[in-house]
Amino acid sequence: MHVRLELYASLMKHLPPDAVRHRAEVEVDAGTSPHALLDRCGVPREQAHLVLRNGVFLYPEQRDDTPLEEGDVIAVWPPVAGG
């Protein structure tokens, strides 16, 4: 099945080579969790600060046991600092 992975800021370096801007279509097995997808792409879990599934925030404890579905969009931002 296919999902769209969107990585922002410093995480963009983990996108597959065929990514366009900050997005890539990724083929995953049924039952793949958001964390499994990020692990596969080499995104360090401690750098996946804000994770959204179809625009809805996933708490850290949901990222291991929420299976992805066809067409899902996973968007991830690293921790940010500034002022």
Protein backbone atom coordinates (compact mmCIF):
# COMPACT_ATOMS: atom_id res chain seq x y z
CA MET A 1 0.00 0.00 0.00
CA HIS A 2 1.09 3.59 -0.50
CA VAL A 3 1.39 6.40 2.03
CA ARG A 4 2.83 9.88 1.71
CA LEU A 5 5.69 10.84 3.97
CA GLU A 6 6.35 14.53 4.57
CA LEU A 7 9.50 15.52 6.44
CA TYR A 8 10.30 19.10 7.34
CA ALA A 9 13.33 21.19 8.28
CA SER A 10 16.41 19.13 9.23
CA LEU A 11 14.52 15.84 8.72
CA MET A 12 14.27 16.34 4.96
CA LYS A 13 17.68 14.66 4.52
CA HIS A 14 15.99 11.34 5.39
CA LEU A 15 13.59 11.43 2.43
CA PRO A 16 14.04 8.87 -0.36
CA PRO A 17 15.93 10.08 -3.46
CA ASP A 18 12.72 10.36 -5.51
CA ALA A 19 11.18 12.87 -3.07
CA VAL A 20 9.79 16.11 -4.44
CA ARG A 21 10.48 19.03 -2.12
CA HIS A 22 9.55 17.63 1.31
CA ARG A 23 7.26 14.77 0.18
CA ALA A 24 7.64 11.20 -0.97
CA GLU A 25 5.23 8.43 -1.83
CA VAL A 26 6.34 5.33 0.06
CA GLU A 27 5.18 1.75 -0.34
CA VAL A 28 4.69 -0.05 2.98
CA ASP A 29 3.29 -3.37 4.13
CA ALA A 30 -0.16 -3.53 5.69
CA GLY A 31 0.05 -3.01 9.43
CA THR A 32 3.13 -0.78 9.27
CA SER A 33 3.17 1.75 12.11
CA PRO A 34 4.33 5.35 11.87
CA HIS A 35 7.44 4.51 13.91
CA ALA A 36 8.25 1.58 11.61
CA LEU A 37 8.00 3.90 8.61
CA LEU A 38 10.28 6.48 10.22
CA ASP A 39 12.75 3.78 11.29
CA ARG A 40 12.87 2.49 7.73
CA CYS A 41 13.74 5.98 6.47
CA GLY A 42 16.41 6.48 9.13
CA VAL A 43 14.59 9.22 11.03
CA PRO A 44 15.83 9.18 14.64
CA ARG A 45 12.84 8.81 16.96
CA GLU A 46 14.11 11.54 19.26
CA GLN A 47 14.07 13.91 16.27
CA ALA A 48 10.46 13.07 15.32
CA HIS A 49 8.97 15.60 17.69
CA LEU A 50 5.68 16.47 16.00
CA VAL A 51 4.08 13.58 14.10
CA LEU A 52 0.74 14.00 12.35
CA ARG A 53 -1.35 11.36 10.62
CA ASN A 54 -3.74 12.97 8.17
CA GLY A 55 -3.41 16.23 10.09
CA VAL A 56 -4.08 14.71 13.53
CA PHE A 57 -1.33 14.69 16.17
CA LEU A 58 -0.10 11.25 17.21
CA TYR A 59 1.10 10.99 20.80
CA PRO A 60 4.40 9.09 21.16
CA GLU A 61 2.62 6.03 22.57
CA GLN A 62 0.34 5.92 19.48
CA ARG A 63 3.20 5.88 16.99
CA ASP A 64 4.03 2.20 17.57
CA ASP A 65 0.56 0.68 17.60
CA THR A 66 -1.39 2.72 15.03
CA PRO A 67 -1.37 0.85 11.71
CA LEU A 68 -1.16 2.99 8.61
CA GLU A 69 -3.83 2.77 5.94
CA GLU A 70 -3.73 3.27 2.17
CA GLY A 71 -3.37 6.95 1.34
CA ASP A 72 -2.39 8.13 4.82
CA VAL A 73 -0.18 11.18 5.07
CA ILE A 74 2.48 11.17 7.79
CA ALA A 75 4.01 14.59 8.41
CA VAL A 76 6.94 15.00 10.79
CA TRP A 77 8.76 18.01 12.25
CA PRO A 78 11.85 18.04 14.46
CA PRO A 79 12.01 19.90 17.76
CA VAL A 80 12.33 23.62 17.18
CA ALA A 81 13.91 26.37 19.22
CA GLY A 82 14.06 30.05 18.85
CA GLY A 83 12.67 33.18 20.13
